[in-house]
């Protein structure tokens, strides 16, 4: 089951009551930032995964195919390509209950943050997608995004949603801690609602 937790209250309670244990527990979470920009033509989606030092080491070990302790250009490229291929099926979007095609907008980005060795050093992966905004998209329309990448680890999610071109949309939940997903199923990482849609004023050049 997918559980939602109020990030602000939970984090404050954990850090105040058990400072040392709280920090250790939170370091186990994969940080995930989800950003959506909604326009009359497209919905752009960016998902950024930030691996803490310990989690990054596990990923680096999987990258190091020849086990020589260095992450070569070919090894980094292979990791990069594997993520891109998996993301096509792992990231899904529904608008008003109907599944939409999620199309890669740019190649994924792998940022090892200055370290290419096998060490406990954070790294970041960024994914970029878009889908066409349906003609039926209006006030009250909903956007739901699920993600199955690294769904077997606990996730700390932060969400931002921005509307442009006469559209205003807001996320129903902007932050939260999510436990590992049972049976590697997807996790809901974005839940947004259109609160306003105004047609451009042609007389004003909009």
C-alpha atoms as a PDB file:
ATOM      1  CA  UNK A   1       0.000   0.000   0.000  1.00  0.00           C
ATOM      2  CA  UNK A   2       1.192   3.522  -0.723  1.00  0.00           C
ATOM      3  CA  UNK A   3       1.322   5.632   2.400  1.00  0.00           C
ATOM      4  CA  UNK A   4       1.516   9.382   2.537  1.00  0.00           C
ATOM      5  CA  UNK A   5       3.179  11.217   5.432  1.00  0.00           C
ATOM      6  CA  UNK A   6       3.257  14.904   6.201  1.00  0.00           C
ATOM      7  CA  UNK A   7       6.916  15.730   5.645  1.00  0.00           C
ATOM      8  CA  UNK A   8       7.110  18.828   7.808  1.00  0.00           C
ATOM      9  CA  UNK A   9       5.623  17.300  10.932  1.00  0.00           C
ATOM     10  CA  UNK A  10       7.431  13.995  10.595  1.00  0.00           C
ATOM     11  CA  UNK A  11      10.859  15.473   9.971  1.00  0.00           C
ATOM     12  CA  UNK A  12      10.524  17.968  12.815  1.00  0.00           C
ATOM     13  CA  UNK A  13       9.455  15.212  15.185  1.00  0.00           C
ATOM     14  CA  UNK A  14      12.224  12.840  14.182  1.00  0.00           C
ATOM     15  CA  UNK A  15      15.020  15.387  14.355  1.00  0.00           C
ATOM     16  CA  UNK A  16      13.879  16.929  17.634  1.00  0.00           C
ATOM     17  CA  UNK A  17      13.149  13.719  19.483  1.00  0.00           C
ATOM     18  CA  UNK A  18      16.032  11.568  18.200  1.00  0.00           C
ATOM     19  CA  UNK A  19      18.685  13.754  16.563  1.00  0.00           C
ATOM     20  CA  UNK A  20      21.358  11.096  16.006  1.00  0.00           C
ATOM     21  CA  UNK A  21      19.013   8.282  15.027  1.00  0.00           C
ATOM     22  CA  UNK A  22      16.993  10.663  12.855  1.00  0.00           C
ATOM     23  CA  UNK A  23      20.004  11.603  10.760  1.00  0.00           C
ATOM     24  CA  UNK A  24      21.014   7.971  10.310  1.00  0.00           C
ATOM     25  CA  UNK A  25      17.502   6.998   9.233  1.00  0.00           C
ATOM     26  CA  UNK A  26      17.137   9.846   6.750  1.00  0.00           C
ATOM     27  CA  UNK A  27      20.470   9.004   5.146  1.00  0.00           C
ATOM     28  CA  UNK A  28      18.906   5.747   3.990  1.00  0.00           C
ATOM     29  CA  UNK A  29      16.387   7.612   1.835  1.00  0.00           C
ATOM     30  CA  UNK A  30      16.896   8.223  -1.858  1.00  0.00           C
ATOM     31  CA  UNK A  31      16.150  11.907  -2.433  1.00  0.00           C
ATOM     32  CA  UNK A  32      13.882  12.526  -5.384  1.00  0.00           C
ATOM     33  CA  UNK A  33      12.881  15.916  -6.773  1.00  0.00           C
ATOM     34  CA  UNK A  34       9.967  15.962  -9.196  1.00  0.00           C
ATOM     35  CA  UNK A  35       9.181  19.079 -11.220  1.00  0.00           C
ATOM     36  CA  UNK A  36       6.336  19.589 -13.705  1.00  0.00           C
ATOM     37  CA  UNK A  37       5.718  22.606 -15.946  1.00  0.00           C
ATOM     38  CA  UNK A  38       2.230  22.643 -17.468  1.00  0.00           C
ATOM     39  CA  UNK A  39       1.558  24.693 -20.600  1.00  0.00           C
ATOM     40  CA  UNK A  40      -1.356  24.616 -23.078  1.00  0.00           C
ATOM     41  CA  UNK A  41       0.772  22.516 -25.466  1.00  0.00           C
ATOM     42  CA  UNK A  42       3.050  20.364 -23.318  1.00  0.00           C
ATOM     43  CA  UNK A  43       3.672  19.074 -19.830  1.00  0.00           C
ATOM     44  CA  UNK A  44       7.410  18.948 -19.103  1.00  0.00           C
ATOM     45  CA  UNK A  45       8.535  16.581 -16.367  1.00  0.00           C
ATOM     46  CA  UNK A  46      11.923  16.453 -14.647  1.00  0.00           C
ATOM     47  CA  UNK A  47      12.837  13.796 -12.094  1.00  0.00           C
ATOM     48  CA  UNK A  48      16.109  14.127 -10.202  1.00  0.00           C
ATOM     49  CA  UNK A  49      17.500  11.312  -8.050  1.00  0.00           C
ATOM     50  CA  UNK A  50      20.093  12.301  -5.444  1.00  0.00           C
ATOM     51  CA  UNK A  51      22.011   9.375  -3.981  1.00  0.00           C
ATOM     52  CA  UNK A  52      23.535   9.733  -0.538  1.00  0.00           C
ATOM     53  CA  UNK A  53      27.092   8.499  -0.033  1.00  0.00           C
ATOM     54  CA  UNK A  54      26.210   4.939   0.995  1.00  0.00           C
ATOM     55  CA  UNK A  55      23.559   4.517  -1.698  1.00  0.00           C
ATOM     56  CA  UNK A  56      25.906   5.968  -4.296  1.00  0.00           C
ATOM     57  CA  UNK A  57      28.587   3.412  -3.471  1.00  0.00           C
ATOM     58  CA  UNK A  58      26.184   0.566  -4.271  1.00  0.00           C
ATOM     59  CA  UNK A  59      25.410   2.157  -7.648  1.00  0.00           C
ATOM     60  CA  UNK A  60      29.099   2.763  -8.353  1.00  0.00           C
ATOM     61  CA  UNK A  61      29.875  -0.898  -7.632  1.00  0.00           C
ATOM     62  CA  UNK A  62      27.267  -1.925 -10.197  1.00  0.00           C
ATOM     63  CA  UNK A  63      28.855   0.453 -12.731  1.00  0.00           C
ATOM     64  CA  UNK A  64      32.362  -0.948 -12.251  1.00  0.00           C
ATOM     65  CA  UNK A  65      31.987  -3.973 -14.528  1.00  0.00           C
ATOM     66  CA  UNK A  66      35.713  -4.764 -14.732  1.00  0.00           C
ATOM     67  CA  UNK A  67      36.083  -4.300 -10.941  1.00  0.00           C
ATOM     68  CA  UNK A  68      39.245  -2.223 -11.221  1.00  0.00           C
ATOM     69  CA  UNK A  69      38.027   0.489  -8.858  1.00  0.00           C
ATOM     70  CA  UNK A  70      37.670   3.113 -11.607  1.00  0.00           C
ATOM     71  CA  UNK A  71      34.551   4.148 -13.499  1.00  0.00           C
ATOM     72  CA  UNK A  72      35.630   4.361 -17.111  1.00  0.00           C
ATOM     73  CA  UNK A  73      33.891   6.375 -19.800  1.00  0.00           C
ATOM     74  CA  UNK A  74      32.433   3.179 -21.279  1.00  0.00           C
ATOM     75  CA  UNK A  75      31.155   2.015 -17.897  1.00  0.00           C
ATOM     76  CA  UNK A  76      29.529   5.360 -17.221  1.00  0.00           C
ATOM     77  CA  UNK A  77      27.964   5.324 -20.682  1.00  0.00           C
ATOM     78  CA  UNK A  78      26.585   1.800 -20.164  1.00  0.00           C
ATOM     79  CA  UNK A  79      25.034   2.827 -16.835  1.00  0.00           C
ATOM     80  CA  UNK A  80      23.618   5.938 -18.472  1.00  0.00           C
ATOM     81  CA  UNK A  81      22.075   3.943 -21.336  1.00  0.00           C
ATOM     82  CA  UNK A  82      20.607   1.310 -19.002  1.00  0.00           C
ATOM     83  CA  UNK A  83      18.810   3.980 -16.973  1.00  0.00           C
ATOM     84  CA  UNK A  84      17.467   5.643 -20.135  1.00  0.00           C
ATOM     85  CA  UNK A  85      16.082   2.325 -21.382  1.00  0.00           C
ATOM     86  CA  UNK A  86      14.511   1.381 -18.055  1.00  0.00           C
ATOM     87  CA  UNK A  87      13.005   4.854 -17.546  1.00  0.00           C
ATOM     88  CA  UNK A  88      10.870   4.548 -20.683  1.00  0.00           C
ATOM     89  CA  UNK A  89       8.771   1.869 -18.984  1.00  0.00           C
ATOM     90  CA  UNK A  90       9.290   2.912 -15.364  1.00  0.00           C
ATOM     91  CA  UNK A  91       7.865   6.450 -15.535  1.00  0.00           C
ATOM     92  CA  UNK A  92       4.153   6.713 -16.319  1.00  0.00           C
ATOM     93  CA  UNK A  93       1.704   9.618 -16.353  1.00  0.00           C
ATOM     94  CA  UNK A  94      -2.077   9.751 -16.187  1.00  0.00           C
ATOM     95  CA  UNK A  95      -4.205  12.814 -16.929  1.00  0.00           C
ATOM     96  CA  UNK A  96      -7.814  12.615 -15.774  1.00  0.00           C
ATOM     97  CA  UNK A  97      -7.464   8.858 -15.443  1.00  0.00           C
ATOM     98  CA  UNK A  98      -6.135   8.263 -18.958  1.00  0.00           C
ATOM     99  CA  UNK A  99      -2.532   7.153 -19.477  1.00  0.00           C
ATOM    100  CA  UNK A 100      -0.426   9.498 -21.600  1.00  0.00           C
ATOM    101  CA  UNK A 101       2.694   8.792 -23.618  1.00  0.00           C
ATOM    102  CA  UNK A 102       5.729   9.964 -21.631  1.00  0.00           C
ATOM    103  CA  UNK A 103       8.384  10.936 -24.173  1.00  0.00           C
ATOM    104  CA  UNK A 104      12.080  11.508 -23.372  1.00  0.00           C
ATOM    105  CA  UNK A 105      12.838  15.189 -23.850  1.00  0.00           C
ATOM    106  CA  UNK A 106      16.617  15.044 -23.334  1.00  0.00           C
ATOM    107  CA  UNK A 107      19.120  12.309 -22.632  1.00  0.00           C
ATOM    108  CA  UNK A 108      19.448  11.444 -18.924  1.00  0.00           C
ATOM    109  CA  UNK A 109      22.210  13.219 -17.017  1.00  0.00           C
ATOM    110  CA  UNK A 110      24.643  11.391 -14.738  1.00  0.00           C
ATOM    111  CA  UNK A 111      26.555  13.696 -12.397  1.00  0.00           C
ATOM    112  CA  UNK A 112      29.153  11.909 -10.258  1.00  0.00           C
ATOM    113  CA  UNK A 113      29.866  15.206  -8.492  1.00  0.00           C
ATOM    114  CA  UNK A 114      33.597  15.159  -9.124  1.00  0.00           C
ATOM    115  CA  UNK A 115      34.337  11.576  -8.061  1.00  0.00           C
ATOM    116  CA  UNK A 116      34.829   8.692 -10.490  1.00  0.00           C
ATOM    117  CA  UNK A 117      36.230   6.236  -7.966  1.00  0.00           C
ATOM    118  CA  UNK A 118      34.551   3.572  -5.858  1.00  0.00           C
ATOM    119  CA  UNK A 119      33.989   5.610  -2.750  1.00  0.00           C
ATOM    120  CA  UNK A 120      31.100   6.784  -0.643  1.00  0.00           C
ATOM    121  CA  UNK A 121      30.477   9.971  -2.565  1.00  0.00           C
ATOM    122  CA  UNK A 122      27.008  11.299  -3.581  1.00  0.00           C
ATOM    123  CA  UNK A 123      25.884  11.383  -7.185  1.00  0.00           C
ATOM    124  CA  UNK A 124      22.822  12.578  -9.101  1.00  0.00           C
ATOM    125  CA  UNK A 125      20.756  11.228 -11.985  1.00  0.00           C
ATOM    126  CA  UNK A 126      18.348  13.513 -13.886  1.00  0.00           C
ATOM    127  CA  UNK A 127      15.607  12.433 -16.271  1.00  0.00           C
ATOM    128  CA  UNK A 128      13.652  14.696 -18.634  1.00  0.00           C
ATOM    129  CA  UNK A 129      10.283  13.905 -20.239  1.00  0.00           C
ATOM    130  CA  UNK A 130       7.285  15.587 -21.812  1.00  0.00           C
ATOM    131  CA  UNK A 131       3.780  14.734 -22.929  1.00  0.00           C
ATOM    132  CA  UNK A 132       1.251  16.649 -25.006  1.00  0.00           C
ATOM    133  CA  UNK A 133      -1.350  18.514 -23.004  1.00  0.00           C
ATOM    134  CA  UNK A 134      -4.766  17.051 -23.889  1.00  0.00           C
ATOM    135  CA  UNK A 135      -7.291  19.393 -25.500  1.00  0.00           C
ATOM    136  CA  UNK A 136      -9.671  18.398 -22.688  1.00  0.00           C
ATOM    137  CA  UNK A 137      -7.294  19.638 -19.986  1.00  0.00           C
ATOM    138  CA  UNK A 138      -9.236  22.140 -17.871  1.00  0.00           C
ATOM    139  CA  UNK A 139      -9.868  23.370 -14.350  1.00  0.00           C
ATOM    140  CA  UNK A 140     -10.158  20.323 -12.114  1.00  0.00           C
ATOM    141  CA  UNK A 141      -8.016  18.108 -14.346  1.00  0.00           C
ATOM    142  CA  UNK A 142      -5.529  15.906 -12.503  1.00  0.00           C
ATOM    143  CA  UNK A 143      -1.980  14.849 -13.330  1.00  0.00           C
ATOM    144  CA  UNK A 144      -0.589  11.714 -11.694  1.00  0.00           C
ATOM    145  CA  UNK A 145       2.964  10.462 -12.181  1.00  0.00           C
ATOM    146  CA  UNK A 146       4.276   7.095 -11.002  1.00  0.00           C
ATOM    147  CA  UNK A 147       7.868   5.921 -11.001  1.00  0.00           C
ATOM    148  CA  UNK A 148       9.282   2.402 -10.685  1.00  0.00           C
ATOM    149  CA  UNK A 149      12.976   3.336 -10.776  1.00  0.00           C
ATOM    150  CA  UNK A 150      14.639   2.422  -7.480  1.00  0.00           C
ATOM    151  CA  UNK A 151      11.183   1.726  -6.030  1.00  0.00           C
ATOM    152  CA  UNK A 152      12.636  -0.889  -3.685  1.00  0.00           C
ATOM    153  CA  UNK A 153      14.301   1.725  -1.463  1.00  0.00           C
ATOM    154  CA  UNK A 154      12.722   4.371   0.803  1.00  0.00           C
ATOM    155  CA  UNK A 155      12.293   7.703  -0.957  1.00  0.00           C
ATOM    156  CA  UNK A 156      12.211  11.331   0.198  1.00  0.00           C
ATOM    157  CA  UNK A 157      10.175  13.199  -2.431  1.00  0.00           C
ATOM    158  CA  UNK A 158       9.967  16.957  -3.056  1.00  0.00           C
ATOM    159  CA  UNK A 159       7.516  18.181  -5.703  1.00  0.00           C
ATOM    160  CA  UNK A 160       7.034  21.450  -7.581  1.00  0.00           C
ATOM    161  CA  UNK A 161       4.395  22.255 -10.205  1.00  0.00           C
ATOM    162  CA  UNK A 162       4.214  25.376 -12.363  1.00  0.00           C
ATOM    163  CA  UNK A 163       1.564  26.427 -14.861  1.00  0.00           C
ATOM    164  CA  UNK A 164       2.141  28.763 -17.821  1.00  0.00           C
ATOM    165  CA  UNK A 165       0.096  30.246 -20.689  1.00  0.00           C
ATOM    166  CA  UNK A 166      -3.059  30.780 -18.652  1.00  0.00           C
ATOM    167  CA  UNK A 167      -2.820  27.508 -16.722  1.00  0.00           C
ATOM    168  CA  UNK A 168      -2.419  27.349 -12.981  1.00  0.00           C
ATOM    169  CA  UNK A 169      -1.712  23.977 -11.377  1.00  0.00           C
ATOM    170  CA  UNK A 170      -0.776  22.974  -7.847  1.00  0.00           C
ATOM    171  CA  UNK A 171       0.557  19.811  -6.239  1.00  0.00           C
ATOM    172  CA  UNK A 172      -1.677  18.268  -3.607  1.00  0.00           C
ATOM    173  CA  UNK A 173       1.415  17.177  -1.680  1.00  0.00           C
ATOM    174  CA  UNK A 174       4.763  18.863  -2.118  1.00  0.00           C
ATOM    175  CA  UNK A 175       6.959  16.728   0.156  1.00  0.00           C
ATOM    176  CA  UNK A 176       6.842  13.339   1.776  1.00  0.00           C
ATOM    177  CA  UNK A 177       8.641  10.206   2.916  1.00  0.00           C
ATOM    178  CA  UNK A 178       7.660   7.036   1.100  1.00  0.00           C
ATOM    179  CA  UNK A 179       8.577   3.490   2.176  1.00  0.00           C
ATOM    180  CA  UNK A 180       9.902   0.903  -0.282  1.00  0.00           C
ATOM    181  CA  UNK A 181       7.272  -0.283  -2.728  1.00  0.00           C
ATOM    182  CA  UNK A 182       6.090  -3.862  -2.278  1.00  0.00           C
ATOM    183  CA  UNK A 183       6.865  -6.184  -5.199  1.00  0.00           C
ATOM    184  CA  UNK A 184       8.784  -3.388  -7.013  1.00  0.00           C
ATOM    185  CA  UNK A 185       5.562  -1.649  -7.974  1.00  0.00           C
ATOM    186  CA  UNK A 186       5.570   1.999  -8.919  1.00  0.00           C
ATOM    187  CA  UNK A 187       5.443   4.827  -6.410  1.00  0.00           C
ATOM    188  CA  UNK A 188       3.198   7.852  -6.809  1.00  0.00           C
ATOM    189  CA  UNK A 189       5.630  10.760  -7.002  1.00  0.00           C
ATOM    190  CA  UNK A 190       3.379  13.517  -8.343  1.00  0.00           C
ATOM    191  CA  UNK A 191      -0.278  14.324  -7.740  1.00  0.00           C
ATOM    192  CA  UNK A 192      -1.342  17.703  -9.145  1.00  0.00           C
ATOM    193  CA  UNK A 193      -4.576  19.484 -10.022  1.00  0.00           C
ATOM    194  CA  UNK A 194      -5.311  22.260 -12.503  1.00  0.00           C
ATOM    195  CA  UNK A 195      -6.949  25.088 -10.561  1.00  0.00           C
ATOM    196  CA  UNK A 196      -7.374  27.530 -13.435  1.00  0.00           C
ATOM    197  CA  UNK A 197      -7.199  27.588 -17.223  1.00  0.00           C
ATOM    198  CA  UNK A 198      -7.728  30.774 -19.174  1.00  0.00           C
ATOM    199  CA  UNK A 199      -7.672  30.957 -22.945  1.00  0.00           C
ATOM    200  CA  UNK A 200      -5.099  33.423 -24.335  1.00  0.00           C
ATOM    201  CA  UNK A 201      -6.532  36.794 -25.308  1.00  0.00           C
ATOM    202  CA  UNK A 202      -5.858  37.117 -29.045  1.00  0.00           C
ATOM    203  CA  UNK A 203      -6.533  40.876 -28.943  1.00  0.00           C
ATOM    204  CA  UNK A 204      -3.642  41.235 -26.511  1.00  0.00           C
ATOM    205  CA  UNK A 205      -1.386  38.988 -28.529  1.00  0.00           C
ATOM    206  CA  UNK A 206      -1.574  36.118 -25.974  1.00  0.00           C
END
